[in-house]
Amino acid sequence: MSAELLNVLLHSILPILLIIASVFAIYFKDLLSATIALAAMSLILSLEFYILQAPDVAIAEAGVGACLTTAILIFAIKATYRMEGEK
């Protein structure tokens, strides 16, 4: 498989995975599951940045978007009362 074909294949698959992770983040009722889907979306986006030859942006997206934002959201979920299961 040539490098150009692999590049085209990755640029076709990663946006589809990004959309799937975004839809999961929207439709999950559990806040923790939605946060994990948001972290997956951020990791996919950082992989796309790396493939586009922007490693500094990819590292910033992975560090801030996936790690720091996810940690803050999980801390906020744990610190607050969860009401999504109540009707």
N, C-alpha and C. Protein backbone atom coordinates (compact mmCIF):
# COMPACT_ATOMS: atom_id res chain seq x y z
N MET A 1 0.85 -1.17 0.00
CA MET A 1 0.00 0.00 0.00
C MET A 1 0.90 1.24 0.00
N SER A 2 0.64 2.13 -0.90
CA SER A 2 1.49 3.32 -1.00
C SER A 2 1.14 4.32 0.09
N ALA A 3 2.05 5.23 0.32
CA ALA A 3 1.86 6.23 1.37
C ALA A 3 0.73 7.18 1.02
N GLU A 4 0.58 7.48 -0.27
CA GLU A 4 -0.48 8.39 -0.68
C GLU A 4 -1.86 7.77 -0.48
N LEU A 5 -1.98 6.49 -0.78
CA LEU A 5 -3.25 5.79 -0.58
C LEU A 5 -3.59 5.70 0.91
N LEU A 6 -2.59 5.44 1.73
CA LEU A 6 -2.81 5.39 3.17
C LEU A 6 -3.22 6.76 3.71
N ASN A 7 -2.62 7.81 3.18
CA ASN A 7 -2.95 9.16 3.58
C ASN A 7 -4.40 9.50 3.23
N VAL A 8 -4.82 9.16 2.02
CA VAL A 8 -6.20 9.40 1.60
C VAL A 8 -7.17 8.58 2.44
N LEU A 9 -6.80 7.35 2.74
CA LEU A 9 -7.65 6.48 3.54
C LEU A 9 -7.82 7.04 4.96
N LEU A 10 -6.73 7.50 5.56
CA LEU A 10 -6.82 8.07 6.91
C LEU A 10 -7.62 9.37 6.92
N HIS A 11 -7.45 10.19 5.90
CA HIS A 11 -8.21 11.44 5.82
C HIS A 11 -9.68 11.19 5.53
N SER A 12 -10.02 10.00 5.09
CA SER A 12 -11.42 9.65 4.88
C SER A 12 -12.04 9.03 6.13
N ILE A 13 -11.27 8.24 6.85
CA ILE A 13 -11.81 7.52 8.01
C ILE A 13 -11.88 8.40 9.26
N LEU A 14 -10.87 9.21 9.49
CA LEU A 14 -10.84 10.00 10.72
C LEU A 14 -12.00 11.00 10.85
N PRO A 15 -12.40 11.72 9.81
CA PRO A 15 -13.58 12.59 9.97
C PRO A 15 -14.86 11.81 10.26
N ILE A 16 -14.98 10.62 9.69
CA ILE A 16 -16.15 9.79 9.98
C ILE A 16 -16.15 9.37 11.45
N LEU A 17 -14.99 8.96 11.95
CA LEU A 17 -14.88 8.61 13.37
C LEU A 17 -15.14 9.81 14.27
N LEU A 18 -14.71 10.98 13.82
CA LEU A 18 -14.95 12.21 14.58
C LEU A 18 -16.44 12.52 14.67
N ILE A 19 -17.16 12.34 13.58
CA ILE A 19 -18.60 12.57 13.58
C ILE A 19 -19.31 11.54 14.47
N ILE A 20 -18.88 10.29 14.40
CA ILE A 20 -19.49 9.25 15.24
C ILE A 20 -19.27 9.55 16.72
N ALA A 21 -18.07 9.94 17.09
CA ALA A 21 -17.79 10.28 18.49
C ALA A 21 -18.59 11.51 18.93
N SER A 22 -18.78 12.46 18.02
CA SER A 22 -19.58 13.65 18.34
C SER A 22 -21.03 13.29 18.58
N VAL A 23 -21.57 12.42 17.73
CA VAL A 23 -22.96 12.00 17.90
C VAL A 23 -23.13 11.23 19.20
N PHE A 24 -22.17 10.37 19.53
CA PHE A 24 -22.23 9.65 20.81
C PHE A 24 -22.18 10.63 21.99
N ALA A 25 -21.35 11.66 21.89
CA ALA A 25 -21.25 12.64 22.97
C ALA A 25 -22.56 13.39 23.16
N ILE A 26 -23.29 13.59 22.08
CA ILE A 26 -24.57 14.30 22.18
C ILE A 26 -25.67 13.40 22.73
N TYR A 27 -25.73 12.16 22.28
CA TYR A 27 -26.86 11.30 22.59
C TYR A 27 -26.72 10.47 23.86
N PHE A 28 -25.55 10.39 24.45
CA PHE A 28 -25.42 9.65 25.71
C PHE A 28 -26.16 10.40 26.81
N LYS A 29 -26.95 9.68 27.57
CA LYS A 29 -27.68 10.28 28.69
C LYS A 29 -26.79 10.42 29.92
N ASP A 30 -25.88 9.50 30.10
CA ASP A 30 -24.96 9.53 31.23
C ASP A 30 -23.86 10.56 30.95
N LEU A 31 -23.65 11.46 31.89
CA LEU A 31 -22.67 12.53 31.69
C LEU A 31 -21.24 12.00 31.60
N LEU A 32 -20.95 10.97 32.36
CA LEU A 32 -19.60 10.40 32.32
C LEU A 32 -19.32 9.76 30.96
N SER A 33 -20.29 9.07 30.40
CA SER A 33 -20.12 8.48 29.07
C SER A 33 -19.96 9.56 28.01
N ALA A 34 -20.72 10.64 28.13
CA ALA A 34 -20.59 11.75 27.18
C ALA A 34 -19.22 12.41 27.29
N THR A 35 -18.68 12.48 28.49
CA THR A 35 -17.35 13.05 28.68
C THR A 35 -16.28 12.16 28.05
N ILE A 36 -16.43 10.86 28.17
CA ILE A 36 -15.48 9.93 27.55
C ILE A 36 -15.56 10.03 26.03
N ALA A 37 -16.76 10.17 25.50
CA ALA A 37 -16.92 10.34 24.05
C ALA A 37 -16.29 11.66 23.59
N LEU A 38 -16.40 12.70 24.40
CA LEU A 38 -15.77 13.97 24.08
C LEU A 38 -14.25 13.85 24.08
N ALA A 39 -13.71 13.08 25.01
CA ALA A 39 -12.26 12.85 25.05
C ALA A 39 -11.81 12.05 23.83
N ALA A 40 -12.61 11.07 23.43
CA ALA A 40 -12.27 10.31 22.22
C ALA A 40 -12.29 11.20 20.99
N MET A 41 -13.26 12.11 20.93
CA MET A 41 -13.34 13.04 19.82
C MET A 41 -12.09 13.93 19.77
N SER A 42 -11.64 14.37 20.92
CA SER A 42 -10.46 15.21 20.98
C SER A 42 -9.20 14.45 20.58
N LEU A 43 -9.11 13.19 20.97
CA LEU A 43 -7.95 12.38 20.57
C LEU A 43 -7.94 12.11 19.06
N ILE A 44 -9.10 11.88 18.48
CA ILE A 44 -9.18 11.69 17.03
C ILE A 44 -8.77 12.97 16.32
N LEU A 45 -9.21 14.11 16.84
CA LEU A 45 -8.85 15.39 16.24
C LEU A 45 -7.35 15.65 16.36
N SER A 46 -6.75 15.29 17.48
CA SER A 46 -5.31 15.48 17.62
C SER A 46 -4.53 14.56 16.68
N LEU A 47 -5.06 13.36 16.44
CA LEU A 47 -4.43 12.47 15.46
C LEU A 47 -4.50 13.07 14.05
N GLU A 48 -5.62 13.68 13.73
CA GLU A 48 -5.76 14.34 12.43
C GLU A 48 -4.78 15.52 12.30
N PHE A 49 -4.61 16.28 13.36
CA PHE A 49 -3.64 17.37 13.33
C PHE A 49 -2.22 16.84 13.11
N TYR A 50 -1.91 15.72 13.74
CA TYR A 50 -0.58 15.13 13.57
C TYR A 50 -0.37 14.65 12.13
N ILE A 51 -1.38 14.07 11.55
CA ILE A 51 -1.28 13.61 10.16
C ILE A 51 -1.14 14.79 9.21
N LEU A 52 -1.76 15.92 9.55
CA LEU A 52 -1.64 17.12 8.73
C LEU A 52 -0.33 17.87 8.98
N GLN A 53 0.60 17.23 9.66
CA GLN A 53 1.95 17.74 9.92
C GLN A 53 1.94 19.01 10.78
N ALA A 54 1.09 18.98 11.81
CA ALA A 54 1.07 20.04 12.80
C ALA A 54 1.22 19.40 14.18
N PRO A 55 2.43 18.90 14.49
CA PRO A 55 2.59 18.16 15.76
C PRO A 55 2.42 19.03 17.00
N ASP A 56 2.75 20.32 16.91
CA ASP A 56 2.58 21.18 18.07
C ASP A 56 1.11 21.39 18.39
N VAL A 57 0.29 21.54 17.37
CA VAL A 57 -1.16 21.67 17.57
C VAL A 57 -1.74 20.35 18.07
N ALA A 58 -1.22 19.24 17.57
CA ALA A 58 -1.70 17.93 18.01
C ALA A 58 -1.40 17.69 19.48
N ILE A 59 -0.21 18.07 19.92
CA ILE A 59 0.15 17.90 21.33
C ILE A 59 -0.70 18.81 22.21
N ALA A 60 -0.94 20.04 21.76
CA ALA A 60 -1.78 20.95 22.54
C ALA A 60 -3.21 20.44 22.62
N GLU A 61 -3.74 19.93 21.52
CA GLU A 61 -5.10 19.39 21.51
C GLU A 61 -5.21 18.16 22.40
N ALA A 62 -4.22 17.30 22.35
CA ALA A 62 -4.26 16.10 23.19
C ALA A 62 -4.11 16.46 24.66
N GLY A 63 -3.24 17.40 24.95
CA GLY A 63 -3.02 17.77 26.35
C GLY A 63 -4.17 18.55 26.95
N VAL A 64 -4.62 19.56 26.24
CA VAL A 64 -5.68 20.40 26.77
C VAL A 64 -7.05 19.80 26.50
N GLY A 65 -7.30 19.42 25.25
CA GLY A 65 -8.62 18.94 24.87
C GLY A 65 -8.98 17.60 25.47
N ALA A 66 -8.07 16.66 25.38
CA ALA A 66 -8.39 15.31 25.84
C ALA A 66 -8.13 15.14 27.33
N CYS A 67 -7.00 15.60 27.80
CA CYS A 67 -6.63 15.32 29.20
C CYS A 67 -7.21 16.33 30.18
N LEU A 68 -6.88 17.59 30.00
CA LEU A 68 -7.26 18.60 30.99
C LEU A 68 -8.77 18.82 31.02
N THR A 69 -9.38 18.98 29.86
CA THR A 69 -10.83 19.20 29.82
C THR A 69 -11.58 18.00 30.36
N THR A 70 -11.14 16.80 30.01
CA THR A 70 -11.79 15.60 30.52
C THR A 70 -11.65 15.50 32.03
N ALA A 71 -10.48 15.81 32.56
CA ALA A 71 -10.28 15.76 34.01
C ALA A 71 -11.16 16.78 34.72
N ILE A 72 -11.28 17.98 34.18
CA ILE A 72 -12.12 19.01 34.79
C ILE A 72 -13.59 18.59 34.75
N LEU A 73 -14.04 18.05 33.62
CA LEU A 73 -15.43 17.62 33.52
C LEU A 73 -15.73 16.45 34.45
N ILE A 74 -14.83 15.50 34.56
CA ILE A 74 -15.05 14.37 35.47
C ILE A 74 -15.06 14.85 36.92
N PHE A 75 -14.18 15.78 37.26
CA PHE A 75 -14.19 16.35 38.61
C PHE A 75 -15.51 17.07 38.88
N ALA A 76 -16.02 17.81 37.91
CA ALA A 76 -17.29 18.52 38.08
C ALA A 76 -18.46 17.55 38.21
N ILE A 77 -18.43 16.47 37.46
CA ILE A 77 -19.49 15.46 37.56
C ILE A 77 -19.47 14.80 38.93
N LYS A 78 -18.27 14.48 39.42
CA LYS A 78 -18.16 13.84 40.73
C LYS A 78 -18.54 14.79 41.87
N ALA A 79 -18.31 16.09 41.68
CA ALA A 79 -18.56 17.05 42.75
C ALA A 79 -20.02 17.50 42.81
N THR A 80 -20.80 17.25 41.78
CA THR A 80 -22.18 17.69 41.76
C THR A 80 -23.13 16.52 41.88
N TYR A 81 -24.36 16.82 42.16
CA TYR A 81 -25.41 15.82 42.28
C TYR A 81 -25.87 15.42 40.89
N ARG A 82 -25.89 14.13 40.59
CA ARG A 82 -26.26 13.66 39.25
C ARG A 82 -27.76 13.44 39.20
N MET A 83 -28.43 14.14 38.29
CA MET A 83 -29.88 14.06 38.19
C MET A 83 -30.36 13.44 36.89
N GLU A 84 -29.49 12.98 36.03
CA GLU A 84 -29.94 12.50 34.72
C GLU A 84 -30.75 11.22 34.81
N GLY A 85 -30.65 10.47 35.90
CA GLY A 85 -31.39 9.23 36.05
C GLY A 85 -32.78 9.42 36.65
N GLU A 86 -33.05 10.58 37.19
CA GLU A 86 -34.33 10.84 37.85
C GLU A 86 -35.34 11.39 36.87
N LYS A 87 -36.59 11.04 37.10
CA LYS A 87 -37.68 11.55 36.25
C LYS A 87 -38.72 12.22 37.10
